[in-house]
Amino acid sequence: MSMFKFNPANTSAGDVILPKGDYVFKVGEPKVIYSKKDDGTESYGILLKLTVSEGEFAGKSIFNRMYLHWEGADRPLKQFMMAAFGFSPSDAEQEAQFNEEYQGENWDIDFEQKALGEVYMRLKGTHVIWAVDVQTRKDDPTKEQQRFGAVLPYGA
């Protein structure tokens, strides 16, 4: 087995919280997230590692958990996917083009096997411009968390 060499100076012990602004992010490999509480309630979605690729915070990484277990959750996922693949989510013509181009692709997510369809794997290495803000956590008002807003294709 290979040796893992850890350098604690190269990582942050806590979550990085970026100040409000628009950031260019490089998208890492998406991961399936799934949990089931004792009462049977399920939470599931996709975890995205986003690394700032330009500006003062270049190299800093944050995570966006795109949960899909609530009604309407597919809308922000589609907006993100469109932007990552170079389409403007706010442009009806580009949405129609996106729909046509990606129709028939493997969009499946198997939460039990933690497997993503092939189209999701193409996200790795793409870039988006994402507006972020800071908000107080609902479960702990003494802490802050990142809030994600509008997402745009990089270079649009």
Protein backbone atom coordinates (compact mmCIF):
# COMPACT_ATOMS: atom_id res chain seq x y z
CA MET A 1 0.00 0.00 0.00
CA SER A 2 1.15 3.56 -0.71
CA MET A 3 2.19 5.85 2.11
CA PHE A 4 0.06 8.86 2.96
CA LYS A 5 2.11 11.94 3.84
CA PHE A 6 0.04 14.43 5.79
CA ASN A 7 0.95 18.10 6.05
CA PRO A 8 -1.57 19.82 8.36
CA ALA A 9 -0.41 23.26 7.15
CA ASN A 10 -2.00 22.51 3.77
CA THR A 11 -5.54 22.14 5.08
CA SER A 12 -8.08 23.92 7.23
CA ALA A 13 -9.43 22.35 10.41
CA GLY A 14 -12.81 24.02 9.94
CA ASP A 15 -15.13 24.86 7.10
CA VAL A 16 -14.00 27.69 4.84
CA ILE A 17 -16.64 30.44 4.68
CA LEU A 18 -16.12 32.77 1.74
CA PRO A 19 -17.30 36.38 2.00
CA LYS A 20 -20.29 37.41 -0.10
CA GLY A 21 -19.36 37.66 -3.76
CA ASP A 22 -19.19 36.00 -7.17
CA TYR A 23 -16.50 33.34 -7.46
CA VAL A 24 -15.08 31.23 -10.27
CA PHE A 25 -15.07 27.63 -9.02
CA LYS A 26 -13.48 24.52 -10.44
CA VAL A 27 -15.78 21.56 -9.84
CA GLY A 28 -14.34 18.43 -8.29
CA GLU A 29 -15.62 14.88 -8.71
CA PRO A 30 -19.22 14.76 -7.47
CA LYS A 31 -20.13 12.25 -4.75
CA VAL A 32 -23.42 10.67 -3.73
CA ILE A 33 -24.68 11.59 -0.26
CA TYR A 34 -27.29 9.54 1.53
CA SER A 35 -28.42 9.14 5.11
CA LYS A 36 -31.38 7.59 6.89
CA LYS A 37 -32.44 8.65 10.37
CA ASP A 38 -33.82 6.28 13.01
CA ASP A 39 -37.35 7.50 12.21
CA GLY A 40 -36.90 6.42 8.56
CA THR A 41 -36.47 9.94 7.15
CA GLU A 42 -34.06 9.91 4.23
CA SER A 43 -31.75 12.66 3.01
CA TYR A 44 -29.99 12.28 -0.32
CA GLY A 45 -28.28 14.26 -3.02
CA ILE A 46 -24.92 15.12 -4.51
CA LEU A 47 -21.87 16.57 -2.78
CA LEU A 48 -19.80 19.00 -4.82
CA LYS A 49 -16.29 20.11 -3.91
CA LEU A 50 -15.78 23.58 -5.34
CA THR A 51 -12.32 25.15 -5.45
CA VAL A 52 -11.93 28.87 -6.04
CA SER A 53 -9.78 29.20 -9.16
CA GLU A 54 -9.24 32.96 -9.38
CA GLY A 55 -8.69 35.94 -7.10
CA GLU A 56 -7.82 36.43 -3.46
CA PHE A 57 -9.28 33.09 -2.33
CA ALA A 58 -7.80 30.97 -5.14
CA GLY A 59 -7.12 27.44 -3.91
CA LYS A 60 -9.71 27.56 -1.10
CA SER A 61 -12.33 24.82 -1.30
CA ILE A 62 -15.91 24.75 -0.11
CA PHE A 63 -18.63 22.13 -0.41
CA ASN A 64 -22.17 22.36 -1.73
CA ARG A 65 -24.59 19.64 -0.73
CA MET A 66 -27.28 19.60 -3.41
CA TYR A 67 -30.04 17.68 -1.65
CA LEU A 68 -32.71 16.10 -3.83
CA HIS A 69 -35.18 14.71 -1.28
CA TRP A 70 -37.49 17.73 -1.25
CA GLU A 71 -39.91 18.91 -3.91
CA GLY A 72 -38.33 21.35 -6.34
CA ALA A 73 -34.76 20.34 -5.52
CA ASP A 74 -34.13 19.31 -9.11
CA ARG A 75 -34.37 22.96 -10.26
CA PRO A 76 -31.10 24.22 -8.65
CA LEU A 77 -29.38 21.00 -9.75
CA LYS A 78 -30.42 21.64 -13.35
CA GLN A 79 -29.28 25.27 -13.12
CA PHE A 80 -25.88 24.12 -11.88
CA MET A 81 -25.57 21.39 -14.52
CA MET A 82 -26.49 23.84 -17.28
CA ALA A 83 -23.90 26.36 -16.11
CA ALA A 84 -21.19 23.71 -15.71
CA PHE A 85 -21.77 22.57 -19.29
CA GLY A 86 -21.70 26.14 -20.65
CA PHE A 87 -25.40 27.04 -20.81
CA SER A 88 -27.03 30.06 -19.16
CA PRO A 89 -29.79 28.84 -16.80
CA SER A 90 -31.74 32.08 -17.25
CA ASP A 91 -31.90 31.84 -21.06
CA ALA A 92 -34.91 29.86 -22.37
CA GLU A 93 -33.26 29.18 -25.75
CA GLN A 94 -30.14 27.83 -24.07
CA GLU A 95 -32.28 25.69 -21.77
CA ALA A 96 -34.04 24.21 -24.81
CA GLN A 97 -30.64 23.54 -26.41
CA PHE A 98 -29.39 21.93 -23.18
CA ASN A 99 -32.51 19.74 -22.98
CA GLU A 100 -32.04 18.57 -26.57
CA GLU A 101 -28.30 17.98 -26.26
CA TYR A 102 -28.47 16.04 -22.98
CA GLN A 103 -31.69 14.12 -23.62
CA GLY A 104 -31.08 10.40 -23.30
CA GLU A 105 -27.93 10.81 -21.16
CA ASN A 106 -27.47 8.70 -18.03
CA TRP A 107 -28.79 11.01 -15.29
CA ASP A 108 -29.49 8.17 -12.85
CA ILE A 109 -28.36 8.30 -9.23
CA ASP A 110 -28.26 5.06 -7.24
CA PHE A 111 -28.18 6.14 -3.62
CA GLU A 112 -27.85 2.63 -2.21
CA GLN A 113 -24.84 1.83 -4.41
CA LYS A 114 -23.59 5.43 -4.20
CA ALA A 115 -23.27 5.52 -7.98
CA LEU A 116 -23.79 8.49 -10.29
CA GLY A 117 -24.79 8.34 -13.93
CA GLU A 118 -22.10 9.10 -16.48
CA VAL A 119 -23.23 12.68 -17.16
CA TYR A 120 -22.48 13.70 -13.54
CA MET A 121 -18.92 12.43 -13.82
CA ARG A 122 -18.29 14.90 -16.65
CA LEU A 123 -18.69 17.73 -14.14
CA LYS A 124 -15.19 17.16 -12.77
CA GLY A 125 -12.89 19.90 -14.05
CA THR A 126 -15.63 22.20 -15.32
CA HIS A 127 -15.84 25.80 -14.11
CA VAL A 128 -18.80 27.92 -13.03
CA ILE A 129 -19.35 31.40 -11.64
CA TRP A 130 -21.40 31.09 -8.47
CA ALA A 131 -22.69 33.88 -6.25
CA VAL A 132 -22.26 32.99 -2.59
CA ASP A 133 -23.32 34.67 0.62
CA VAL A 134 -23.04 33.94 4.33
CA GLN A 135 -25.97 33.02 6.56
CA THR A 136 -26.48 31.91 10.15
CA ARG A 137 -26.96 28.19 10.63
CA LYS A 138 -30.49 27.22 11.67
CA ASP A 139 -29.26 24.44 13.97
CA ASP A 140 -26.63 26.62 15.65
CA PRO A 141 -27.11 30.42 15.50
CA THR A 142 -23.54 30.94 16.76
CA LYS A 143 -22.14 29.54 13.49
CA GLU A 144 -22.25 30.62 9.88
CA GLN A 145 -22.58 28.66 6.68
CA GLN A 146 -22.25 29.32 2.97
CA ARG A 147 -25.39 30.15 1.01
CA PHE A 148 -25.40 29.60 -2.75
CA GLY A 149 -27.21 31.94 -5.14
CA ALA A 150 -27.23 32.34 -8.91
CA VAL A 151 -24.88 30.19 -10.97
CA LEU A 152 -23.57 31.11 -14.43
CA PRO A 153 -21.38 29.45 -17.01
CA TYR A 154 -17.73 30.45 -16.83
CA GLY A 155 -16.63 32.55 -19.77
CA ALA A 156 -20.17 33.48 -20.80
